Amino acid sequence: MSIPIRPRGLGANIALVFSIIAKNFPKLAIVSLIFGLPALIPQILGILDPEAWTFYLEVEDLDTIEIPYAPYVGMVLGYLFYPFFIGTITGLVTGGYTGENVTVGKSLELAARVFIPLALFALLSNFFIFGGFLVLGGLGGLGLMPEMLAVILIIFMVIPLLMMVAAFYVGSPAIVVERIGVGIAFRRTILLTRNRRLMILGFAFLIGMIASFAASILLVPAVIVMLASGSDEPGIAMLILTWLLQSILGLLNVVAPVVIYFQLRAEKENFQLTSLAELVDDIQARRGPDDTFSDADNPYRQDF
């Protein structure tokens, strides 16, 4: 049975996120774990063979500087595979709304098709959100701006930052579901979230608190054991535990925007989805039979 697309309250949407994950847990968890491997493997190899994963920098009049680069390789690989992860999980979750049997293979194919707009959306949205903080912090640190002034400006930017986070919240689901490019995705997410951003912030905050609480319960004992053993660096067991937690709890960060995306479409567009293949027909029907529907103004065209 498909998930009814209708307006829900905050608590009902949070419950729906966990219900979707629970009902599809084996499939979603396996996909998430697999996509987390590219970030995990280099870090494990760096522990097993630190010499091979260390860059030695010779500096005149100084000792040789050792730079372990395995974590950075893992971080880069994680970012590269993250759009595939978002696209695949979103495709699988959307099947619950359409009633279609969306396989992992079909979702992977969809994720590959929208990889570029997903990657660009993630890159640009993070740049827009955190770019100002980096610039102000850099100016203050370099002495080009009084540090106190930089701190005051950063504080005043917190509220606009939060509003921007809410404004971009459903961009990734829009890209996957509607097969749109990055430029249209920004317009769609800003339009859909208008007048609902405080609700989105509250929803995202509660989801984040739940995930953080669960992670702390599971990670704190492991950290205590690691410190008691006299080690100040994570071992392989700690890396694997972190990979497991990030893979499972990371599902919340992908499923939650999908739930809000369909919530906003139900509220603002009275949207009823029966098949992913009918998306273009649906928007054209709402424009009217006499309205021209050129590729230039088609909100579902690829524009990347």
C-alpha atoms as a PDB file:
ATOM      1  CA  MET A   1       0.000   0.000   0.000  1.00  0.00           C
ATOM      2  CA  SER A   2       1.337   3.436  -0.928  1.00  0.00           C
ATOM      3  CA  ILE A   3       1.861   6.233   1.596  1.00  0.00           C
ATOM      4  CA  PRO A   4      -1.012   8.749   1.419  1.00  0.00           C
ATOM      5  CA  ILE A   5       0.201  12.150   0.191  1.00  0.00           C
ATOM      6  CA  ARG A   6      -1.558  14.599   2.490  1.00  0.00           C
ATOM      7  CA  PRO A   7      -0.700  17.378   4.945  1.00  0.00           C
ATOM      8  CA  ARG A   8       0.479  16.107   8.345  1.00  0.00           C
ATOM      9  CA  GLY A   9       1.509  17.636  11.630  1.00  0.00           C
ATOM     10  CA  LEU A  10       5.094  17.857  12.881  1.00  0.00           C
ATOM     11  CA  GLY A  11       4.848  14.776  15.087  1.00  0.00           C
ATOM     12  CA  ALA A  12       3.146  12.754  12.362  1.00  0.00           C
ATOM     13  CA  ASN A  13       5.901  13.588   9.882  1.00  0.00           C
ATOM     14  CA  ILE A  14       8.625  12.568  12.341  1.00  0.00           C
ATOM     15  CA  ALA A  15       6.783   9.308  12.992  1.00  0.00           C
ATOM     16  CA  LEU A  16       6.460   8.770   9.232  1.00  0.00           C
ATOM     17  CA  VAL A  17      10.231   9.140   8.766  1.00  0.00           C
ATOM     18  CA  PHE A  18      10.905   6.355  11.257  1.00  0.00           C
ATOM     19  CA  SER A  19       8.061   4.249   9.869  1.00  0.00           C
ATOM     20  CA  ILE A  20       9.506   4.424   6.328  1.00  0.00           C
ATOM     21  CA  ILE A  21      12.972   3.469   7.568  1.00  0.00           C
ATOM     22  CA  ALA A  22      11.610   0.622   9.699  1.00  0.00           C
ATOM     23  CA  LYS A  23       9.500  -0.878   6.901  1.00  0.00           C
ATOM     24  CA  ASN A  24      12.369  -0.744   4.400  1.00  0.00           C
ATOM     25  CA  PHE A  25      15.226  -1.153   6.853  1.00  0.00           C
ATOM     26  CA  PRO A  26      17.101  -4.143   5.365  1.00  0.00           C
ATOM     27  CA  LYS A  27      17.208  -2.661   1.872  1.00  0.00           C
ATOM     28  CA  LEU A  28      17.971   0.890   2.989  1.00  0.00           C
ATOM     29  CA  ALA A  29      20.586  -0.182   5.534  1.00  0.00           C
ATOM     30  CA  ILE A  30      22.477  -2.390   3.073  1.00  0.00           C
ATOM     31  CA  VAL A  31      22.568   0.381   0.462  1.00  0.00           C
ATOM     32  CA  SER A  32      23.737   2.909   3.053  1.00  0.00           C
ATOM     33  CA  LEU A  33      26.447   0.583   4.387  1.00  0.00           C
ATOM     34  CA  ILE A  34      27.752  -0.120   0.887  1.00  0.00           C
ATOM     35  CA  PHE A  35      27.951   3.581   0.024  1.00  0.00           C
ATOM     36  CA  GLY A  36      29.835   4.181   3.269  1.00  0.00           C
ATOM     37  CA  LEU A  37      32.595   1.711   2.379  1.00  0.00           C
ATOM     38  CA  PRO A  38      34.610   4.052   0.093  1.00  0.00           C
ATOM     39  CA  ALA A  39      35.137   6.404   3.040  1.00  0.00           C
ATOM     40  CA  LEU A  40      35.906   3.580   5.491  1.00  0.00           C
ATOM     41  CA  ILE A  41      38.362   1.417   3.534  1.00  0.00           C
ATOM     42  CA  PRO A  42      41.183   4.002   3.130  1.00  0.00           C
ATOM     43  CA  GLN A  43      41.079   4.744   6.860  1.00  0.00           C
ATOM     44  CA  ILE A  44      41.408   1.064   7.738  1.00  0.00           C
ATOM     45  CA  LEU A  45      44.248   0.662   5.256  1.00  0.00           C
ATOM     46  CA  GLY A  46      45.917   3.694   6.813  1.00  0.00           C
ATOM     47  CA  ILE A  47      45.926   1.953  10.191  1.00  0.00           C
ATOM     48  CA  LEU A  48      47.099  -1.395   8.814  1.00  0.00           C
ATOM     49  CA  ASP A  49      49.924   0.142   6.767  1.00  0.00           C
ATOM     50  CA  PRO A  50      50.617   3.680   8.008  1.00  0.00           C
ATOM     51  CA  GLU A  51      53.869   3.981   6.057  1.00  0.00           C
ATOM     52  CA  ALA A  52      52.099   3.556   2.719  1.00  0.00           C
ATOM     53  CA  TRP A  53      49.457   6.125   3.652  1.00  0.00           C
ATOM     54  CA  THR A  54      51.751   8.849   5.000  1.00  0.00           C
ATOM     55  CA  PHE A  55      53.188  11.753   3.047  1.00  0.00           C
ATOM     56  CA  TYR A  56      56.623  12.896   4.192  1.00  0.00           C
ATOM     57  CA  LEU A  57      57.362  16.581   3.698  1.00  0.00           C
ATOM     58  CA  GLU A  58      60.974  17.683   3.894  1.00  0.00           C
ATOM     59  CA  VAL A  59      61.277  21.222   5.289  1.00  0.00           C
ATOM     60  CA  GLU A  60      64.619  22.972   5.486  1.00  0.00           C
ATOM     61  CA  ASP A  61      65.903  23.523   9.048  1.00  0.00           C
ATOM     62  CA  LEU A  62      62.987  21.505  10.406  1.00  0.00           C
ATOM     63  CA  ASP A  63      62.293  17.858  11.074  1.00  0.00           C
ATOM     64  CA  THR A  64      60.464  15.885   8.405  1.00  0.00           C
ATOM     65  CA  ILE A  65      56.730  16.518   8.658  1.00  0.00           C
ATOM     66  CA  GLU A  66      54.570  13.392   8.498  1.00  0.00           C
ATOM     67  CA  ILE A  67      51.086  13.862   7.040  1.00  0.00           C
ATOM     68  CA  PRO A  68      48.781  10.800   7.194  1.00  0.00           C
ATOM     69  CA  TYR A  69      46.461  11.232   4.220  1.00  0.00           C
ATOM     70  CA  ALA A  70      44.199   8.173   4.500  1.00  0.00           C
ATOM     71  CA  PRO A  71      41.420  10.140   6.304  1.00  0.00           C
ATOM     72  CA  TYR A  72      41.471  12.804   3.568  1.00  0.00           C
ATOM     73  CA  VAL A  73      41.200  10.171   0.833  1.00  0.00           C
ATOM     74  CA  GLY A  74      38.244   8.651   2.665  1.00  0.00           C
ATOM     75  CA  MET A  75      36.618  12.069   3.033  1.00  0.00           C
ATOM     76  CA  VAL A  76      36.969  12.849  -0.687  1.00  0.00           C
ATOM     77  CA  LEU A  77      35.597   9.436  -1.695  1.00  0.00           C
ATOM     78  CA  GLY A  78      32.719   9.881   0.733  1.00  0.00           C
ATOM     79  CA  TYR A  79      31.761  13.200  -0.864  1.00  0.00           C
ATOM     80  CA  LEU A  80      32.020  11.703  -4.366  1.00  0.00           C
ATOM     81  CA  PHE A  81      29.675   8.814  -3.543  1.00  0.00           C
ATOM     82  CA  TYR A  82      27.240  10.873  -1.447  1.00  0.00           C
ATOM     83  CA  PRO A  83      25.099  12.041  -4.423  1.00  0.00           C
ATOM     84  CA  PHE A  84      24.702   8.392  -5.478  1.00  0.00           C
ATOM     85  CA  PHE A  85      23.651   7.577  -1.926  1.00  0.00           C
ATOM     86  CA  ILE A  86      21.064  10.377  -1.833  1.00  0.00           C
ATOM     87  CA  GLY A  87      19.668   9.473  -5.254  1.00  0.00           C
ATOM     88  CA  THR A  88      19.411   5.754  -4.513  1.00  0.00           C
ATOM     89  CA  ILE A  89      17.777   6.124  -1.094  1.00  0.00           C
ATOM     90  CA  THR A  90      15.381   8.808  -2.345  1.00  0.00           C
ATOM     91  CA  GLY A  91      14.361   6.608  -5.273  1.00  0.00           C
ATOM     92  CA  LEU A  92      13.652   3.684  -2.954  1.00  0.00           C
ATOM     93  CA  VAL A  93      11.658   5.825  -0.518  1.00  0.00           C
ATOM     94  CA  THR A  94       9.640   7.461  -3.310  1.00  0.00           C
ATOM     95  CA  GLY A  95       8.420   4.005  -4.283  1.00  0.00           C
ATOM     96  CA  GLY A  96       6.514   3.966  -1.002  1.00  0.00           C
ATOM     97  CA  TYR A  97       4.559   7.034  -2.128  1.00  0.00           C
ATOM     98  CA  THR A  98       3.862   5.807  -5.650  1.00  0.00           C
ATOM     99  CA  GLY A  99       3.064   2.219  -4.686  1.00  0.00           C
ATOM    100  CA  GLU A 100       5.599   1.057  -7.284  1.00  0.00           C
ATOM    101  CA  ASN A 101       8.087  -1.724  -6.615  1.00  0.00           C
ATOM    102  CA  VAL A 102      11.268   0.321  -7.010  1.00  0.00           C
ATOM    103  CA  THR A 103      14.276  -1.993  -7.018  1.00  0.00           C
ATOM    104  CA  VAL A 104      17.790  -1.086  -5.919  1.00  0.00           C
ATOM    105  CA  GLY A 105      18.936  -1.421  -9.531  1.00  0.00           C
ATOM    106  CA  LYS A 106      16.304   1.032 -10.751  1.00  0.00           C
ATOM    107  CA  SER A 107      17.207   3.466  -7.984  1.00  0.00           C
ATOM    108  CA  LEU A 108      20.899   3.215  -8.852  1.00  0.00           C
ATOM    109  CA  GLU A 109      20.085   3.970 -12.470  1.00  0.00           C
ATOM    110  CA  LEU A 110      18.064   6.997 -11.389  1.00  0.00           C
ATOM    111  CA  ALA A 111      20.865   8.150  -9.065  1.00  0.00           C
ATOM    112  CA  ALA A 112      23.379   7.941 -11.913  1.00  0.00           C
ATOM    113  CA  ARG A 113      21.061   9.977 -14.132  1.00  0.00           C
ATOM    114  CA  VAL A 114      20.766  12.839 -11.620  1.00  0.00           C
ATOM    115  CA  PHE A 115      24.287  12.576 -10.167  1.00  0.00           C
ATOM    116  CA  ILE A 116      25.554  15.866 -11.630  1.00  0.00           C
ATOM    117  CA  PRO A 117      22.649  18.085 -10.453  1.00  0.00           C
ATOM    118  CA  LEU A 118      22.715  16.405  -7.012  1.00  0.00           C
ATOM    119  CA  ALA A 119      26.458  16.978  -6.668  1.00  0.00           C
ATOM    120  CA  LEU A 120      26.212  20.579  -7.873  1.00  0.00           C
ATOM    121  CA  PHE A 121      23.248  21.308  -5.601  1.00  0.00           C
ATOM    122  CA  ALA A 122      25.127  19.978  -2.559  1.00  0.00           C
ATOM    123  CA  LEU A 123      28.259  21.932  -3.490  1.00  0.00           C
ATOM    124  CA  LEU A 124      26.490  25.223  -4.213  1.00  0.00           C
ATOM    125  CA  SER A 125      24.090  25.079  -1.269  1.00  0.00           C
ATOM    126  CA  ASN A 126      26.984  24.477   1.144  1.00  0.00           C
ATOM    127  CA  PHE A 127      28.893  27.309  -0.488  1.00  0.00           C
ATOM    128  CA  PHE A 128      25.957  29.704  -0.125  1.00  0.00           C
ATOM    129  CA  ILE A 129      25.352  28.663   3.483  1.00  0.00           C
ATOM    130  CA  PHE A 130      28.904  28.543   4.834  1.00  0.00           C
ATOM    131  CA  GLY A 131      30.758  30.775   2.370  1.00  0.00           C
ATOM    132  CA  GLY A 132      30.037  33.963   4.304  1.00  0.00           C
ATOM    133  CA  PHE A 133      31.298  32.463   7.553  1.00  0.00           C
ATOM    134  CA  LEU A 134      34.519  31.309   5.899  1.00  0.00           C
ATOM    135  CA  VAL A 135      35.110  34.723   4.341  1.00  0.00           C
ATOM    136  CA  LEU A 136      34.483  36.603   7.585  1.00  0.00           C
ATOM    137  CA  GLY A 137      36.562  34.152   9.599  1.00  0.00           C
ATOM    138  CA  GLY A 138      39.401  34.436   7.088  1.00  0.00           C
ATOM    139  CA  LEU A 139      39.322  38.237   7.081  1.00  0.00           C
ATOM    140  CA  GLY A 140      39.377  38.321  10.856  1.00  0.00           C
ATOM    141  CA  GLY A 141      42.148  35.739  11.092  1.00  0.00           C
ATOM    142  CA  LEU A 142      44.330  37.561   8.556  1.00  0.00           C
ATOM    143  CA  GLY A 143      43.867  40.869  10.300  1.00  0.00           C
ATOM    144  CA  LEU A 144      42.039  42.448   7.367  1.00  0.00           C
ATOM    145  CA  MET A 145      39.022  43.026   9.600  1.00  0.00           C
ATOM    146  CA  PRO A 146      38.823  43.569  13.375  1.00  0.00           C
ATOM    147  CA  GLU A 147      38.185  40.175  14.969  1.00  0.00           C
ATOM    148  CA  MET A 148      35.387  41.553  17.145  1.00  0.00           C
ATOM    149  CA  LEU A 149      33.614  42.938  14.061  1.00  0.00           C
ATOM    150  CA  ALA A 150      33.968  39.576  12.300  1.00  0.00           C
ATOM    151  CA  VAL A 151      32.467  37.794  15.335  1.00  0.00           C
ATOM    152  CA  ILE A 152      29.540  40.258  15.493  1.00  0.00           C
ATOM    153  CA  LEU A 153      28.808  39.822  11.775  1.00  0.00           C
ATOM    154  CA  ILE A 154      28.951  36.033  12.111  1.00  0.00           C
ATOM    155  CA  ILE A 155      26.447  36.179  14.992  1.00  0.00           C
ATOM    156  CA  PHE A 156      24.073  38.328  12.929  1.00  0.00           C
ATOM    157  CA  MET A 157      24.380  35.828  10.059  1.00  0.00           C
ATOM    158  CA  VAL A 158      23.083  32.901  12.127  1.00  0.00           C
ATOM    159  CA  ILE A 159      19.386  33.616  11.481  1.00  0.00           C
ATOM    160  CA  PRO A 160      19.812  34.094   7.702  1.00  0.00           C
ATOM    161  CA  LEU A 161      21.908  30.903   7.688  1.00  0.00           C
ATOM    162  CA  LEU A 162      19.135  28.916   9.348  1.00  0.00           C
ATOM    163  CA  MET A 163      16.564  30.335   6.939  1.00  0.00           C
ATOM    164  CA  MET A 164      18.794  29.345   4.029  1.00  0.00           C
ATOM    165  CA  VAL A 165      19.137  25.805   5.401  1.00  0.00           C
ATOM    166  CA  ALA A 166      15.341  25.563   5.520  1.00  0.00           C
ATOM    167  CA  ALA A 167      14.972  27.117   2.057  1.00  0.00           C
ATOM    168  CA  PHE A 168      17.250  24.482   0.492  1.00  0.00           C
ATOM    169  CA  TYR A 169      15.859  21.556   2.511  1.00  0.00           C
ATOM    170  CA  VAL A 170      13.882  19.810  -0.237  1.00  0.00           C
ATOM    171  CA  GLY A 171      16.172  20.534  -3.189  1.00  0.00           C
ATOM    172  CA  SER A 172      17.638  17.042  -3.407  1.00  0.00           C
ATOM    173  CA  PRO A 173      14.267  15.219  -3.343  1.00  0.00           C
ATOM    174  CA  ALA A 174      12.995  17.631  -6.008  1.00  0.00           C
ATOM    175  CA  ILE A 175      15.951  16.772  -8.256  1.00  0.00           C
ATOM    176  CA  VAL A 176      15.409  13.023  -7.894  1.00  0.00           C
ATOM    177  CA  VAL A 177      11.610  12.927  -8.081  1.00  0.00           C
ATOM    178  CA  GLU A 178      11.113  15.580 -10.766  1.00  0.00           C
ATOM    179  CA  ARG A 179      14.318  14.859 -12.769  1.00  0.00           C
ATOM    180  CA  ILE A 180      15.239  18.555 -12.820  1.00  0.00           C
ATOM    181  CA  GLY A 181      18.535  20.375 -13.080  1.00  0.00           C
ATOM    182  CA  VAL A 182      20.305  22.301 -10.361  1.00  0.00           C
ATOM    183  CA  GLY A 183      19.088  25.772 -11.340  1.00  0.00           C
ATOM    184  CA  ILE A 184      15.422  24.776 -11.319  1.00  0.00           C
ATOM    185  CA  ALA A 185      15.976  22.785  -8.113  1.00  0.00           C
ATOM    186  CA  PHE A 186      16.975  25.954  -6.260  1.00  0.00           C
ATOM    187  CA  ARG A 187      13.860  27.723  -7.507  1.00  0.00           C
ATOM    188  CA  ARG A 188      11.631  24.764  -6.637  1.00  0.00           C
ATOM    189  CA  THR A 189      12.933  24.317  -3.088  1.00  0.00           C
ATOM    190  CA  ILE A 190      12.735  28.071  -2.365  1.00  0.00           C
ATOM    191  CA  LEU A 191       9.158  28.163  -3.683  1.00  0.00           C
ATOM    192  CA  LEU A 192       7.987  25.034  -1.867  1.00  0.00           C
ATOM    193  CA  THR A 193       9.481  26.032   1.492  1.00  0.00           C
ATOM    194  CA  ARG A 194       8.196  29.608   1.444  1.00  0.00           C
ATOM    195  CA  ASN A 195       6.135  30.405   4.587  1.00  0.00           C
ATOM    196  CA  ARG A 196       6.961  26.939   5.985  1.00  0.00           C
ATOM    197  CA  ARG A 197      10.607  27.397   6.938  1.00  0.00           C
ATOM    198  CA  LEU A 198      10.091  27.666  10.691  1.00  0.00           C
ATOM    199  CA  MET A 199       8.233  24.349  10.588  1.00  0.00           C
ATOM    200  CA  ILE A 200      11.082  22.839   8.557  1.00  0.00           C
ATOM    201  CA  LEU A 201      13.689  24.123  11.028  1.00  0.00           C
ATOM    202  CA  GLY A 202      11.774  22.623  13.934  1.00  0.00           C
ATOM    203  CA  PHE A 203      11.391  19.340  12.087  1.00  0.00           C
ATOM    204  CA  ALA A 204      15.082  19.192  11.103  1.00  0.00           C
ATOM    205  CA  PHE A 205      16.159  20.171  14.629  1.00  0.00           C
ATOM    206  CA  LEU A 206      14.129  17.369  16.229  1.00  0.00           C
ATOM    207  CA  ILE A 207      15.393  14.810  13.705  1.00  0.00           C
ATOM    208  CA  GLY A 208      18.961  15.941  14.372  1.00  0.00           C
ATOM    209  CA  MET A 209      18.478  15.764  18.145  1.00  0.00           C
ATOM    210  CA  ILE A 210      17.135  12.223  17.911  1.00  0.00           C
ATOM    211  CA  ALA A 211      20.062  11.146  15.723  1.00  0.00           C
ATOM    212  CA  SER A 212      22.609  12.845  18.012  1.00  0.00           C
ATOM    213  CA  PHE A 213      21.088  11.291  21.111  1.00  0.00           C
ATOM    214  CA  ALA A 214      21.173   7.818  19.572  1.00  0.00           C
ATOM    215  CA  ALA A 215      24.758   8.283  18.406  1.00  0.00           C
ATOM    216  CA  SER A 216      25.912   9.525  21.810  1.00  0.00           C
ATOM    217  CA  ILE A 217      24.367   6.550  23.602  1.00  0.00           C
ATOM    218  CA  LEU A 218      26.210   4.117  21.339  1.00  0.00           C
ATOM    219  CA  LEU A 219      29.469   6.010  20.843  1.00  0.00           C
ATOM    220  CA  VAL A 220      30.240   7.252  24.368  1.00  0.00           C
ATOM    221  CA  PRO A 221      30.913   3.759  25.817  1.00  0.00           C
ATOM    222  CA  ALA A 222      33.218   3.008  22.886  1.00  0.00           C
ATOM    223  CA  VAL A 223      35.127   6.274  23.417  1.00  0.00           C
ATOM    224  CA  ILE A 224      35.498   5.514  27.129  1.00  0.00           C
ATOM    225  CA  VAL A 225      36.926   2.077  26.336  1.00  0.00           C
ATOM    226  CA  MET A 226      39.314   3.608  23.794  1.00  0.00           C
ATOM    227  CA  LEU A 227      40.582   6.203  26.289  1.00  0.00           C
ATOM    228  CA  ALA A 228      40.874   3.619  29.052  1.00  0.00           C
ATOM    229  CA  SER A 229      43.124   1.556  26.809  1.00  0.00           C
ATOM    230  CA  GLY A 230      45.552   4.484  26.633  1.00  0.00           C
ATOM    231  CA  SER A 231      44.956   5.221  22.940  1.00  0.00           C
ATOM    232  CA  ASP A 232      44.132   8.708  21.694  1.00  0.00           C
ATOM    233  CA  GLU A 233      43.482   7.597  18.107  1.00  0.00           C
ATOM    234  CA  PRO A 234      40.555   5.535  16.826  1.00  0.00           C
ATOM    235  CA  GLY A 235      41.341   1.924  16.020  1.00  0.00           C
ATOM    236  CA  ILE A 236      39.738  -0.289  13.408  1.00  0.00           C
ATOM    237  CA  ALA A 237      36.925  -1.323  15.743  1.00  0.00           C
ATOM    238  CA  MET A 238      36.073   2.316  16.440  1.00  0.00           C
ATOM    239  CA  LEU A 239      36.119   3.140  12.727  1.00  0.00           C
ATOM    240  CA  ILE A 240      33.773   0.255  11.963  1.00  0.00           C
ATOM    241  CA  LEU A 241      31.400   1.285  14.756  1.00  0.00           C
ATOM    242  CA  THR A 242      31.383   4.859  13.458  1.00  0.00           C
ATOM    243  CA  TRP A 243      30.714   3.589   9.914  1.00  0.00           C
ATOM    244  CA  LEU A 244      27.765   1.524  11.156  1.00  0.00           C
ATOM    245  CA  LEU A 245      26.278   4.441  13.077  1.00  0.00           C
ATOM    246  CA  GLN A 246      26.758   6.959  10.284  1.00  0.00           C
ATOM    247  CA  SER A 247      25.258   4.570   7.747  1.00  0.00           C
ATOM    248  CA  ILE A 248      22.148   3.849   9.813  1.00  0.00           C
ATOM    249  CA  LEU A 249      21.563   7.292  11.298  1.00  0.00           C
ATOM    250  CA  GLY A 250      22.475   8.926   7.982  1.00  0.00           C
ATOM    251  CA  LEU A 251      19.253   7.504   6.577  1.00  0.00           C
ATOM    252  CA  LEU A 252      17.380  10.087   8.657  1.00  0.00           C
ATOM    253  CA  ASN A 253      19.075  12.934   6.799  1.00  0.00           C
ATOM    254  CA  VAL A 254      17.869  11.579   3.441  1.00  0.00           C
ATOM    255  CA  VAL A 255      14.409  10.239   4.297  1.00  0.00           C
ATOM    256  CA  ALA A 256      13.369  13.312   6.317  1.00  0.00           C
ATOM    257  CA  PRO A 257      13.635  15.790   3.378  1.00  0.00           C
ATOM    258  CA  VAL A 258      11.674  13.369   1.172  1.00  0.00           C
ATOM    259  CA  VAL A 259       8.828  13.321   3.719  1.00  0.00           C
ATOM    260  CA  ILE A 260       8.787  17.121   3.915  1.00  0.00           C
ATOM    261  CA  TYR A 261       8.990  17.403   0.113  1.00  0.00           C
ATOM    262  CA  PHE A 262       5.775  15.426  -0.373  1.00  0.00           C
ATOM    263  CA  GLN A 263       4.195  17.221   2.590  1.00  0.00           C
ATOM    264  CA  LEU A 264       4.826  20.604   0.943  1.00  0.00           C
ATOM    265  CA  ARG A 265       3.579  19.423  -2.438  1.00  0.00           C
ATOM    266  CA  ALA A 266       0.383  18.171  -0.817  1.00  0.00           C
ATOM    267  CA  GLU A 267      -0.115  21.475   1.005  1.00  0.00           C
ATOM    268  CA  LYS A 268       0.730  23.878  -1.817  1.00  0.00           C
ATOM    269  CA  GLU A 269      -0.120  21.985  -4.989  1.00  0.00           C
ATOM    270  CA  ASN A 270      -2.768  19.511  -3.856  1.00  0.00           C
ATOM    271  CA  PHE A 271      -0.440  16.979  -5.449  1.00  0.00           C
ATOM    272  CA  GLN A 272      -1.504  13.356  -5.875  1.00  0.00           C
ATOM    273  CA  LEU A 273       1.224  11.082  -7.205  1.00  0.00           C
ATOM    274  CA  THR A 274       0.290   7.803  -8.855  1.00  0.00           C
ATOM    275  CA  SER A 275       3.354   7.138 -10.946  1.00  0.00           C
ATOM    276  CA  LEU A 276       6.744   8.750 -11.369  1.00  0.00           C
ATOM    277  CA  ALA A 277       6.209   8.590 -15.123  1.00  0.00           C
ATOM    278  CA  GLU A 278       3.205  10.921 -14.809  1.00  0.00           C
ATOM    279  CA  LEU A 279       5.074  13.881 -13.315  1.00  0.00           C
ATOM    280  CA  VAL A 280       5.400  15.847 -16.544  1.00  0.00           C
ATOM    281  CA  ASP A 281       1.797  15.111 -17.524  1.00  0.00           C
ATOM    282  CA  ASP A 282       0.671  16.323 -14.115  1.00  0.00           C
ATOM    283  CA  ILE A 283       2.389  19.701 -14.333  1.00  0.00           C
ATOM    284  CA  GLN A 284       1.271  20.198 -17.936  1.00  0.00           C
ATOM    285  CA  ALA A 285      -2.334  19.420 -17.011  1.00  0.00           C
ATOM    286  CA  ARG A 286      -2.239  22.010 -14.229  1.00  0.00           C
ATOM    287  CA  ARG A 287      -0.968  24.637 -16.698  1.00  0.00           C
ATOM    288  CA  GLY A 288      -3.956  24.096 -18.969  1.00  0.00           C
ATOM    289  CA  PRO A 289      -4.414  22.568 -22.435  1.00  0.00           C
ATOM    290  CA  ASP A 290      -4.107  25.923 -24.245  1.00  0.00           C
ATOM    291  CA  ASP A 291      -0.931  26.919 -22.469  1.00  0.00           C
ATOM    292  CA  THR A 292       2.283  26.405 -24.380  1.00  0.00           C
ATOM    293  CA  PHE A 293       4.713  24.064 -22.703  1.00  0.00           C
ATOM    294  CA  SER A 294       8.099  24.751 -24.250  1.00  0.00           C
ATOM    295  CA  ASP A 295      11.339  23.190 -23.147  1.00  0.00           C
ATOM    296  CA  ALA A 296      12.574  26.605 -22.060  1.00  0.00           C
ATOM    297  CA  ASP A 297      10.041  26.923 -19.238  1.00  0.00           C
ATOM    298  CA  ASN A 298       9.594  23.223 -18.474  1.00  0.00           C
ATOM    299  CA  PRO A 299      10.329  22.931 -14.719  1.00  0.00           C
ATOM    300  CA  TYR A 300      11.245  19.277 -15.162  1.00  0.00           C
ATOM    301  CA  ARG A 301      13.860  19.613 -17.872  1.00  0.00           C
ATOM    302  CA  GLN A 302      17.562  18.998 -17.238  1.00  0.00           C
ATOM    303  CA  ASP A 303      19.433  22.306 -17.250  1.00  0.00           C
ATOM    304  CA  PHE A 304      22.883  21.354 -16.004  1.00  0.00           C
END
